[in-house]
Amino acid sequence: MAFFFFFFFFFFLLFSSLFVSSLFLFFRSVTFRRVRLPPGTLGLPLIGETLQLISAYKTENPEPFIDERVRRFGPVFTTHLFGEPTIFSADLETNRFILQNEEKLFECSYPGSISNLLGNHSLLLMKGSLHKRMHSLTMSFANSSIIRDRLLVDVDRLIRLNLQSWTGRIFLLEEAKKITFELAVKQLMSFDRCEWTQNLMKEYLLVIEGFFTVPLPLFSTTYRGAIQARRKVAEQLGLGTVVRQRRKEREGGVKKKDMLGALLAGENSLSDEQIVDFLLALLVAGYETTSTTMTLAVKFLTETPLALAQLQEEQEKIKGRKKESEQHLLQWNDYKSMPFTQCVVNETLRVGNIISGVFRRAVTDVNIKGGYTIPKGCRVFASFRAVHMNHHHFDDARSFNPWRWQQQNSLGSTTNAFTPFGGGPRLCPGYELARVELSVFLHHLVTQFRWVPAEDDKLVFFPTTRTQKRYPIYVTRKDETTQLHTI
């Protein structure tokens, strides 16, 4: 989950006080000179290479920023981004080393603006034994057996319910966000769509906007509005009220098998404030990344007709072997019978790179391969994108090719280089649930609809991976005779 917030951290640092940062770095530079840093360049005074990175990531092809520096300095290099020297790793082995040594040699480091919006007790900001306990709880709630026995039926039902209203021209990204929000609210607190959830979503969207603006309440009405919306979500609209009500119900013997129920049942009981922060952060994590991945999967499939045809064939076979009255109902054995769909999901995650990488900070001097040292206090960035787009790990790495995941002879190396959900102690706890939601969504989409793009839409990668126009498409149901619009 923490990896989703890389984007927020990435964006906020642009607006941090570069002057204060430069003073801090000046006094710390004496320490930096004592160690052998990876080679690189710090760029211009104060701003470093930030503008070059942003310029690259605002295009469909951000790779030249990394490629040029890897060619000059090697896969681990020193740069200067967002007001601070940063060790940038485009190396698989170094990335794995960073991830596996969380809380031993490295730690998460996020600005105060993040805690203002999420709360101090979000899983993202937890450390030590508390993070370990809560991360384990979250993973246990979203493991395969729980998904199979409890969550899948709701995932299937809510996706079908949302698709019922699709007609004509839609913005796929917006529709996908509706789906993932309702799924998250249901899984966390057992709420189906109602007036309360609709009002919650309106305020929640204002909170999300706050992550992508200047984090200064005096100068940014958007950020100030996000802080106000955060308070409203927590109290006035009632996450806090829901927590208190559920606590009373539990004391009276009424128990629900959702995340909130698991939080209330913990041996070391959390306070209401801690639970609200925890739930809000999980809402954020489950909403943005999965909806974007759904959208990119459809975009990539549309641009790769052979892959779309093979996925449709696989899903139609699953539908065809069911009784007519049950054709729209997916079960666990159906999900486990989607090998090519899983290839599509993998390739969408690899090419889309919704999670571009993670920031960490060294808690001590750290020796890495090549005889280099990352000094204590230095920020590092482990780039997943650089590895996923590396031709040494993936043949023709910058092409969408789901069939690569069927090649057993290369599966081992491919799997080792594939880290869309991060790794180590902060591995995304909802990774399996995200895959299930994507697979169920694709099943119902391709078995019920035909579609064409309404207009050209491009990918950009700053401040987040997204399509510029929310991917507008024209849809028509397969059981209708209505002709598709043409571009």
Protein backbone atom coordinates (compact mmCIF):
# COMPACT_ATOMS: atom_id res chain seq x y z
CA MET A 1 0.00 0.00 0.00
CA ALA A 2 2.77 2.44 0.85
CA PHE A 3 3.92 2.40 -2.74
CA PHE A 4 0.86 4.24 -4.00
CA PHE A 5 1.95 7.25 -1.96
CA PHE A 6 5.24 7.50 -3.82
CA PHE A 7 3.36 9.72 -6.22
CA PHE A 8 2.18 12.06 -3.51
CA PHE A 9 5.64 12.27 -2.00
CA PHE A 10 7.11 12.78 -5.45
CA PHE A 11 4.77 15.70 -6.16
CA PHE A 12 4.86 17.43 -2.78
CA LEU A 13 8.62 17.61 -2.70
CA LEU A 14 8.51 19.92 -5.70
CA PHE A 15 6.92 22.59 -3.54
CA SER A 16 9.01 22.09 -0.43
CA SER A 17 11.29 24.85 0.74
CA LEU A 18 14.35 24.51 -1.45
CA PHE A 19 16.18 27.24 0.44
CA VAL A 20 15.82 25.53 3.81
CA SER A 21 16.72 22.22 2.21
CA SER A 22 19.86 23.66 0.65
CA LEU A 23 21.07 25.03 3.99
CA PHE A 24 20.53 21.64 5.60
CA LEU A 25 22.41 19.93 2.82
CA PHE A 26 25.28 22.40 3.00
CA PHE A 27 25.96 21.52 6.63
CA ARG A 28 25.57 17.83 5.90
CA SER A 29 27.84 17.92 2.84
CA VAL A 30 30.95 17.45 5.00
CA THR A 31 29.66 13.98 5.91
CA PHE A 32 28.83 13.21 2.28
CA ARG A 33 32.40 13.96 1.18
CA ARG A 34 33.77 11.29 3.51
CA VAL A 35 32.14 8.43 1.60
CA ARG A 36 32.36 7.16 -1.96
CA LEU A 37 29.01 8.05 -3.52
CA PRO A 38 27.79 6.48 -6.76
CA PRO A 39 28.82 8.65 -9.74
CA GLY A 40 26.39 11.22 -11.09
CA THR A 41 25.62 14.90 -11.36
CA LEU A 42 23.70 17.25 -9.09
CA GLY A 43 22.57 19.53 -11.91
CA LEU A 44 21.70 23.17 -11.26
CA PRO A 45 21.96 24.80 -7.82
CA LEU A 46 18.90 24.17 -5.62
CA ILE A 47 16.69 22.63 -8.33
CA GLY A 48 19.19 19.96 -9.39
CA GLU A 49 17.76 17.77 -12.15
CA THR A 50 14.14 18.09 -11.06
CA LEU A 51 12.96 19.94 -14.16
CA GLN A 52 14.52 17.37 -16.50
CA LEU A 53 12.78 14.55 -14.65
CA ILE A 54 9.39 16.27 -14.64
CA SER A 55 9.71 17.12 -18.32
CA ALA A 56 10.41 13.47 -19.16
CA TYR A 57 7.63 12.07 -16.97
CA LYS A 58 5.03 14.39 -18.48
CA THR A 59 5.41 12.53 -21.79
CA GLU A 60 4.51 9.04 -22.97
CA ASN A 61 8.20 8.11 -22.95
CA PRO A 62 9.99 9.09 -19.71
CA GLU A 63 12.75 6.51 -20.21
CA PRO A 64 15.42 8.87 -21.66
CA PHE A 65 15.90 10.53 -18.27
CA ILE A 66 16.99 7.23 -16.74
CA ASP A 67 18.62 5.76 -19.86
CA GLU A 68 20.98 8.70 -20.32
CA ARG A 69 22.22 8.57 -16.73
CA VAL A 70 22.55 4.80 -16.67
CA ARG A 71 24.63 5.00 -19.84
CA ARG A 72 26.91 7.68 -18.32
CA PHE A 73 27.15 6.55 -14.71
CA GLY A 74 25.81 3.01 -14.40
CA PRO A 75 22.55 1.61 -12.96
CA VAL A 76 23.04 3.28 -9.55
CA PHE A 77 23.78 6.99 -9.78
CA THR A 78 23.66 10.18 -7.74
CA THR A 79 21.29 12.95 -8.77
CA HIS A 80 19.51 15.90 -7.15
CA LEU A 81 15.70 15.80 -7.11
CA PHE A 82 13.14 18.01 -5.37
CA GLY A 83 15.63 19.92 -3.27
CA GLU A 84 17.81 17.05 -2.10
CA PRO A 85 20.65 14.80 -3.34
CA THR A 86 19.22 11.38 -4.11
CA ILE A 87 20.78 8.01 -4.87
CA PHE A 88 18.77 6.66 -7.81
CA SER A 89 18.75 2.88 -8.30
CA ALA A 90 17.79 1.40 -11.66
CA ASP A 91 19.40 -1.88 -10.59
CA LEU A 92 17.38 -4.98 -9.70
CA GLU A 93 19.80 -6.29 -7.07
CA THR A 94 20.13 -2.91 -5.34
CA ASN A 95 16.36 -2.40 -5.36
CA ARG A 96 15.84 -5.77 -3.73
CA PHE A 97 18.49 -4.93 -1.12
CA ILE A 98 16.72 -1.65 -0.29
CA LEU A 99 13.30 -3.29 0.02
CA GLN A 100 14.49 -6.21 2.14
CA ASN A 101 16.32 -3.93 4.59
CA GLU A 102 13.37 -1.74 5.52
CA GLU A 103 13.69 -0.65 9.18
CA LYS A 104 17.19 -2.16 9.36
CA LEU A 105 19.14 0.09 7.01
CA PHE A 106 16.38 2.20 5.45
CA GLU A 107 13.11 3.79 6.50
CA CYS A 108 10.15 5.51 4.86
CA SER A 109 10.27 9.27 4.90
CA TYR A 110 7.22 11.36 3.99
CA PRO A 111 6.42 15.08 4.42
CA GLY A 112 4.04 16.36 7.08
CA SER A 113 1.47 17.20 4.41
CA ILE A 114 0.88 13.47 3.98
CA SER A 115 0.08 12.92 7.66
CA ASN A 116 -2.17 15.99 7.62
CA LEU A 117 -4.35 14.31 4.99
CA LEU A 118 -4.08 10.67 6.04
CA GLY A 119 -3.58 11.00 9.77
CA ASN A 120 -0.60 9.94 11.84
CA HIS A 121 -1.91 6.40 12.30
CA SER A 122 -2.13 5.32 8.66
CA LEU A 123 -0.34 2.12 7.67
CA LEU A 124 1.93 4.21 5.44
CA LEU A 125 3.34 6.15 8.39
CA MET A 126 3.51 3.32 10.93
CA LYS A 127 6.90 1.93 11.85
CA GLY A 128 8.39 -0.84 13.93
CA SER A 129 6.30 -3.47 15.67
CA LEU A 130 3.02 -1.61 15.14
CA HIS A 131 3.53 -1.52 11.39
CA LYS A 132 4.47 -5.20 11.38
CA ARG A 133 1.33 -6.12 13.32
CA MET A 134 -1.05 -4.00 11.23
CA HIS A 135 0.54 -5.00 7.93
CA SER A 136 0.14 -8.65 8.90
CA LEU A 137 -3.50 -8.05 9.85
CA THR A 138 -4.23 -6.38 6.53
CA MET A 139 -2.59 -9.17 4.55
CA SER A 140 -4.46 -11.84 6.50
CA PHE A 141 -7.74 -10.10 5.69
CA ALA A 142 -7.01 -10.09 1.95
CA ASN A 143 -5.41 -13.51 1.51
CA SER A 144 -6.59 -16.10 -1.00
CA SER A 145 -8.88 -18.03 1.35
CA ILE A 146 -10.65 -14.87 2.57
CA ILE A 147 -11.10 -13.65 -1.00
CA ARG A 148 -12.44 -17.03 -2.08
CA ASP A 149 -14.82 -17.53 0.84
CA ARG A 150 -16.04 -13.99 1.52
CA LEU A 151 -14.86 -11.19 -0.74
CA LEU A 152 -15.23 -12.57 -4.26
CA VAL A 153 -19.03 -12.62 -4.19
CA ASP A 154 -19.12 -8.89 -3.40
CA VAL A 155 -16.43 -8.06 -5.96
CA ASP A 156 -18.44 -9.86 -8.63
CA ARG A 157 -21.77 -8.33 -7.61
CA LEU A 158 -20.58 -4.73 -7.31
CA ILE A 159 -18.74 -4.79 -10.63
CA ARG A 160 -21.83 -6.17 -12.39
CA LEU A 161 -24.00 -3.56 -10.67
CA ASN A 162 -21.81 -0.70 -11.87
CA LEU A 163 -21.61 -1.99 -15.43
CA GLN A 164 -25.41 -2.06 -15.69
CA SER A 165 -25.52 1.71 -16.20
CA TRP A 166 -22.90 1.83 -18.95
CA THR A 167 -24.18 3.14 -22.27
CA GLY A 168 -22.89 5.33 -25.07
CA ARG A 169 -19.88 7.50 -24.29
CA ILE A 170 -18.22 7.03 -20.91
CA PHE A 171 -14.98 8.09 -19.28
CA LEU A 172 -13.54 4.73 -18.33
CA LEU A 173 -11.23 6.06 -15.63
CA GLU A 174 -14.11 7.78 -13.83
CA GLU A 175 -16.29 4.66 -14.04
CA ALA A 176 -13.44 2.50 -12.76
CA LYS A 177 -12.99 4.84 -9.80
CA LYS A 178 -16.66 4.42 -8.88
CA ILE A 179 -16.19 0.67 -8.91
CA THR A 180 -13.05 0.62 -6.78
CA PHE A 181 -14.45 3.08 -4.25
CA GLU A 182 -17.59 1.00 -3.70
CA LEU A 183 -15.50 -2.15 -3.43
CA ALA A 184 -13.24 -0.55 -0.84
CA VAL A 185 -16.13 0.75 1.28
CA LYS A 186 -17.83 -2.64 1.17
CA GLN A 187 -14.70 -4.58 2.10
CA LEU A 188 -13.66 -2.20 4.85
CA MET A 189 -17.00 -1.41 6.49
CA SER A 190 -19.71 -3.60 4.86
CA PHE A 191 -21.57 -0.65 3.31
CA ASP A 192 -23.38 -1.07 0.01
CA ARG A 193 -24.08 1.90 -2.25
CA CYS A 194 -26.36 4.38 -0.50
CA GLU A 195 -26.73 8.11 0.06
CA TRP A 196 -24.11 8.00 2.81
CA THR A 197 -21.49 6.33 0.59
CA GLN A 198 -22.23 8.78 -2.24
CA ASN A 199 -21.71 11.75 0.08
CA LEU A 200 -18.59 10.11 1.48
CA MET A 201 -17.17 9.73 -2.02
CA LYS A 202 -17.75 13.41 -2.85
CA GLU A 203 -15.76 14.55 0.18
CA TYR A 204 -13.20 11.81 -0.28
CA LEU A 205 -12.46 13.04 -3.82
CA LEU A 206 -11.64 16.45 -2.35
CA VAL A 207 -9.16 14.77 -0.03
CA ILE A 208 -7.55 13.03 -3.01
CA GLU A 209 -7.16 16.35 -4.84
CA GLY A 210 -5.15 17.63 -1.90
CA PHE A 211 -2.38 15.15 -2.64
CA PHE A 212 -1.74 16.81 -6.01
CA THR A 213 -1.50 20.47 -5.07
CA VAL A 214 0.73 22.87 -3.16
CA PRO A 215 0.60 21.72 0.50
CA LEU A 216 0.30 25.23 1.92
CA PRO A 217 -3.15 26.09 3.35
CA LEU A 218 -2.50 29.85 3.18
CA PHE A 219 -1.78 29.76 -0.56
CA SER A 220 -3.73 26.78 -1.88
CA THR A 221 -7.50 26.70 -1.62
CA THR A 222 -7.42 23.13 -2.95
CA TYR A 223 -5.15 21.91 -0.16
CA ARG A 224 -7.13 23.86 2.45
CA GLY A 225 -10.31 22.32 1.08
CA ALA A 226 -8.72 18.87 1.25
CA ILE A 227 -7.88 19.34 4.94
CA GLN A 228 -11.47 20.44 5.61
CA ALA A 229 -12.82 17.48 3.63
CA ARG A 230 -10.57 15.17 5.61
CA ARG A 231 -12.12 16.39 8.87
CA LYS A 232 -15.58 15.98 7.39
CA VAL A 233 -14.86 12.44 6.24
CA ALA A 234 -13.49 11.58 9.68
CA GLU A 235 -16.27 13.09 11.77
CA GLN A 236 -19.16 14.99 10.18
CA LEU A 237 -19.87 12.37 7.53
CA GLY A 238 -19.11 9.78 10.08
CA LEU A 239 -16.14 7.45 9.79
CA GLY A 240 -15.64 8.23 13.46
CA THR A 241 -19.35 7.78 14.08
CA VAL A 242 -19.33 4.46 12.23
CA VAL A 243 -16.38 3.24 14.31
CA ARG A 244 -18.08 4.20 17.57
CA GLN A 245 -21.37 2.61 16.52
CA ARG A 246 -19.67 -0.61 15.47
CA ARG A 247 -17.77 -0.72 18.74
CA LYS A 248 -21.07 -0.55 20.64
CA GLU A 249 -22.58 -3.24 18.41
CA ARG A 250 -19.61 -5.49 19.05
CA GLU A 251 -19.95 -5.03 22.78
CA GLY A 252 -23.56 -6.13 22.34
CA GLY A 253 -22.51 -9.29 20.53
CA VAL A 254 -23.00 -8.14 16.91
CA LYS A 255 -19.90 -8.88 14.85
CA LYS A 256 -19.19 -8.28 11.16
CA LYS A 257 -16.47 -9.96 9.15
CA ASP A 258 -14.89 -6.92 7.52
CA MET A 259 -11.72 -4.91 8.06
CA LEU A 260 -13.35 -2.68 10.65
CA GLY A 261 -14.49 -5.76 12.54
CA ALA A 262 -10.93 -7.12 12.45
CA LEU A 263 -9.56 -3.83 13.78
CA LEU A 264 -12.06 -3.79 16.63
CA ALA A 265 -11.30 -7.42 17.45
CA GLY A 266 -7.55 -6.92 17.78
CA GLU A 267 -5.91 -8.03 21.01
CA ASN A 268 -4.23 -4.66 21.44
CA SER A 269 -7.25 -2.47 20.79
CA LEU A 270 -6.73 0.65 18.70
CA SER A 271 -8.34 3.97 19.55
CA ASP A 272 -11.15 5.35 17.41
CA GLU A 273 -8.76 7.95 15.98
CA GLN A 274 -6.23 5.28 15.01
CA ILE A 275 -8.90 3.20 13.30
CA VAL A 276 -10.25 6.19 11.34
CA ASP A 277 -6.75 7.04 10.10
CA PHE A 278 -6.13 3.42 9.18
CA LEU A 279 -9.40 3.08 7.24
CA LEU A 280 -8.95 6.37 5.41
CA ALA A 281 -5.48 5.39 4.20
CA LEU A 282 -6.73 2.00 2.98
CA LEU A 283 -9.51 3.76 1.07
CA VAL A 284 -6.92 5.90 -0.67
CA ALA A 285 -4.64 2.97 -1.47
CA GLY A 286 -7.33 0.68 -2.86
CA TYR A 287 -9.08 3.35 -4.90
CA GLU A 288 -6.55 5.13 -7.09
CA THR A 289 -4.12 2.43 -8.18
CA THR A 290 -6.64 -0.31 -9.05
CA SER A 291 -8.91 2.02 -11.04
CA THR A 292 -5.93 3.27 -13.06
CA THR A 293 -4.78 -0.28 -13.74
CA MET A 294 -8.27 -1.23 -14.94
CA THR A 295 -8.20 1.69 -17.36
CA LEU A 296 -4.72 0.90 -18.66
CA ALA A 297 -5.60 -2.77 -19.19
CA VAL A 298 -8.48 -1.76 -21.46
CA LYS A 299 -6.32 0.77 -23.30
CA PHE A 300 -3.48 -1.70 -23.89
CA LEU A 301 -5.89 -4.45 -25.00
CA THR A 302 -7.65 -2.07 -27.38
CA GLU A 303 -4.27 -1.25 -28.94
CA THR A 304 -3.36 -4.98 -29.15
CA PRO A 305 -6.28 -6.71 -30.95
CA LEU A 306 -4.73 -10.19 -30.86
CA ALA A 307 -4.42 -10.03 -27.08
CA LEU A 308 -7.98 -8.76 -26.74
CA ALA A 309 -9.28 -11.58 -28.94
CA GLN A 310 -7.47 -14.24 -26.90
CA LEU A 311 -8.70 -12.78 -23.62
CA GLN A 312 -12.27 -12.67 -24.96
CA GLU A 313 -12.02 -16.29 -26.05
CA GLU A 314 -10.84 -17.35 -22.59
CA GLN A 315 -13.60 -15.45 -20.81
CA GLU A 316 -16.35 -16.59 -23.18
CA LYS A 317 -15.35 -20.21 -22.49
CA ILE A 318 -15.75 -19.60 -18.76
CA LYS A 319 -19.15 -18.04 -19.33
CA GLY A 320 -20.20 -20.75 -21.78
CA ARG A 321 -19.68 -23.66 -19.41
CA LYS A 322 -22.11 -22.21 -16.87
CA LYS A 323 -25.86 -22.63 -16.70
CA GLU A 324 -27.68 -19.78 -18.42
CA SER A 325 -29.06 -18.51 -15.10
CA GLU A 326 -25.55 -18.40 -13.61
CA GLN A 327 -23.56 -17.08 -16.56
CA HIS A 328 -22.89 -13.72 -14.95
CA LEU A 329 -21.76 -15.18 -11.60
CA LEU A 330 -18.06 -15.80 -11.13
CA GLN A 331 -16.67 -18.26 -8.60
CA TRP A 332 -13.17 -18.97 -7.36
CA ASN A 333 -12.58 -21.85 -9.77
CA ASP A 334 -13.49 -19.47 -12.61
CA TYR A 335 -10.86 -17.00 -11.43
CA LYS A 336 -8.28 -19.78 -11.25
CA SER A 337 -9.16 -20.71 -14.86
CA MET A 338 -7.92 -17.45 -16.39
CA PRO A 339 -4.26 -18.06 -17.30
CA PHE A 340 -4.13 -15.61 -20.18
CA THR A 341 -6.04 -12.99 -18.20
CA GLN A 342 -3.32 -13.22 -15.56
CA CYS A 343 -0.75 -12.64 -18.30
CA VAL A 344 -2.64 -9.50 -19.30
CA VAL A 345 -2.79 -8.32 -15.69
CA ASN A 346 0.95 -8.90 -15.25
CA GLU A 347 1.83 -7.08 -18.45
CA THR A 348 -0.45 -4.15 -17.63
CA LEU A 349 1.26 -3.79 -14.26
CA ARG A 350 4.71 -4.06 -15.85
CA VAL A 351 4.18 -1.61 -18.73
CA GLY A 352 1.89 0.78 -16.84
CA ASN A 353 4.11 1.03 -13.78
CA ILE A 354 1.37 2.52 -11.63
CA ILE A 355 3.92 2.28 -8.84
CA SER A 356 7.06 3.78 -10.37
CA GLY A 357 9.21 3.13 -7.33
CA VAL A 358 9.70 4.01 -3.67
CA PHE A 359 11.63 6.59 -1.68
CA ARG A 360 13.60 5.54 1.37
CA ARG A 361 16.15 7.20 3.65
CA ALA A 362 19.31 5.56 4.97
CA VAL A 363 19.33 5.27 8.78
CA THR A 364 23.06 4.51 8.80
CA ASP A 365 25.93 4.47 6.30
CA VAL A 366 25.06 1.67 3.87
CA ASN A 367 27.59 -0.12 1.64
CA ILE A 368 26.21 -1.24 -1.72
CA LYS A 369 27.55 -3.06 -4.78
CA GLY A 370 30.35 -1.37 -6.69
CA GLY A 371 32.12 -0.29 -3.53
CA TYR A 372 29.85 2.72 -3.07
CA THR A 373 28.32 4.02 0.16
CA ILE A 374 24.95 5.62 0.81
CA PRO A 375 25.59 8.00 3.73
CA LYS A 376 23.32 8.14 6.75
CA GLY A 377 20.38 10.47 6.15
CA CYS A 378 20.64 10.32 2.36
CA ARG A 379 17.48 9.75 0.37
CA VAL A 380 17.36 6.86 -2.09
CA PHE A 381 14.89 5.99 -4.82
CA ALA A 382 14.41 2.38 -5.92
CA SER A 383 12.97 2.57 -9.43
CA PHE A 384 10.69 -0.33 -10.32
CA ARG A 385 9.97 1.25 -13.69
CA ALA A 386 13.64 1.22 -14.69
CA VAL A 387 13.84 -2.54 -14.06
CA HIS A 388 10.50 -3.30 -15.73
CA MET A 389 11.59 -1.40 -18.85
CA ASN A 390 15.06 -2.95 -18.98
CA HIS A 391 15.71 -5.16 -22.03
CA HIS A 392 18.09 -7.31 -19.97
CA HIS A 393 15.15 -8.47 -17.86
CA PHE A 394 12.32 -8.36 -20.43
CA ASP A 395 12.73 -8.87 -24.18
CA ASP A 396 11.42 -5.90 -26.16
CA ALA A 397 10.62 -4.43 -22.76
CA ARG A 398 8.76 -1.35 -23.99
CA SER A 399 6.13 -3.29 -25.91
CA PHE A 400 2.89 -4.64 -24.44
CA ASN A 401 3.29 -8.39 -24.84
CA PRO A 402 1.20 -10.52 -22.45
CA TRP A 403 2.45 -13.70 -24.13
CA ARG A 404 5.88 -13.18 -22.54
CA TRP A 405 4.35 -14.48 -19.28
CA GLN A 406 3.58 -17.83 -20.96
CA GLN A 407 7.23 -18.51 -21.74
CA GLN A 408 8.28 -21.00 -19.11
CA ASN A 409 11.98 -20.84 -20.01
CA SER A 410 12.20 -17.20 -18.95
CA LEU A 411 9.61 -17.21 -16.20
CA GLY A 412 12.15 -17.41 -13.39
CA SER A 413 14.14 -14.32 -14.34
CA THR A 414 10.98 -12.46 -15.31
CA THR A 415 9.35 -13.17 -11.96
CA ASN A 416 12.42 -12.05 -10.02
CA ALA A 417 12.48 -8.72 -11.85
CA PHE A 418 8.75 -8.11 -11.49
CA THR A 419 7.89 -5.92 -8.49
CA PRO A 420 4.65 -4.02 -9.20
CA PHE A 421 3.59 -4.35 -5.57
CA GLY A 422 6.96 -3.58 -4.03
CA GLY A 423 8.54 -6.07 -1.67
CA GLY A 424 10.01 -6.70 1.73
CA PRO A 425 8.17 -5.74 4.93
CA ARG A 426 6.10 -3.15 3.03
CA LEU A 427 4.86 -5.42 0.27
CA CYS A 428 1.41 -4.17 -0.75
CA PRO A 429 -0.94 -6.19 1.50
CA GLY A 430 -3.79 -6.07 -1.02
CA TYR A 431 -1.92 -7.36 -4.05
CA GLU A 432 -3.97 -10.57 -4.45
CA LEU A 433 -7.27 -8.75 -4.00
CA ALA A 434 -6.24 -6.20 -6.63
CA ARG A 435 -5.53 -9.00 -9.12
CA VAL A 436 -8.93 -10.56 -8.44
CA GLU A 437 -10.74 -7.25 -8.94
CA LEU A 438 -8.93 -6.65 -12.22
CA SER A 439 -9.70 -10.15 -13.49
CA VAL A 440 -13.39 -9.99 -12.58
CA PHE A 441 -13.68 -6.55 -14.17
CA LEU A 442 -12.11 -7.77 -17.43
CA HIS A 443 -14.37 -10.84 -17.48
CA HIS A 444 -17.59 -8.85 -17.30
CA LEU A 445 -16.31 -6.14 -19.62
CA VAL A 446 -15.35 -8.40 -22.53
CA THR A 447 -18.32 -10.79 -22.17
CA GLN A 448 -20.92 -8.00 -22.02
CA PHE A 449 -19.55 -5.12 -24.11
CA ARG A 450 -17.90 -4.00 -27.29
CA TRP A 451 -16.15 -0.64 -27.32
CA VAL A 452 -14.05 1.75 -29.35
CA PRO A 453 -12.02 4.77 -28.20
CA ALA A 454 -13.99 8.02 -28.40
CA GLU A 455 -10.80 9.97 -29.08
CA ASP A 456 -7.05 9.59 -28.88
CA ASP A 457 -5.70 9.56 -25.35
CA LYS A 458 -2.12 9.48 -24.17
CA LEU A 459 -0.35 8.26 -21.06
CA VAL A 460 1.65 10.56 -18.81
CA PHE A 461 3.55 9.65 -15.66
CA PHE A 462 3.73 12.82 -13.56
CA PRO A 463 2.53 13.39 -10.90
CA THR A 464 0.86 9.98 -11.36
CA THR A 465 0.49 7.42 -14.10
CA ARG A 466 -2.74 8.29 -15.87
CA THR A 467 -4.39 8.97 -19.22
CA GLN A 468 -4.67 12.66 -20.04
CA LYS A 469 -8.37 12.54 -20.98
CA ARG A 470 -9.64 9.84 -18.55
CA TYR A 471 -9.84 7.42 -21.53
CA PRO A 472 -13.23 8.18 -23.16
CA ILE A 473 -14.79 5.24 -25.02
CA TYR A 474 -18.07 4.38 -26.72
CA VAL A 475 -19.62 1.17 -25.39
CA THR A 476 -22.45 -1.01 -26.61
CA ARG A 477 -23.80 -4.22 -25.17
CA LYS A 478 -23.22 -7.43 -27.08
CA ASP A 479 -26.90 -8.31 -26.85
CA GLU A 480 -27.89 -5.04 -28.57
CA THR A 481 -27.88 -4.27 -32.27
CA THR A 482 -26.82 -0.64 -31.80
CA GLN A 483 -23.86 0.21 -33.98
CA LEU A 484 -20.70 1.44 -32.34
CA HIS A 485 -19.70 5.02 -32.89
CA THR A 486 -16.68 5.48 -35.10
CA ILE A 487 -13.93 7.94 -34.47
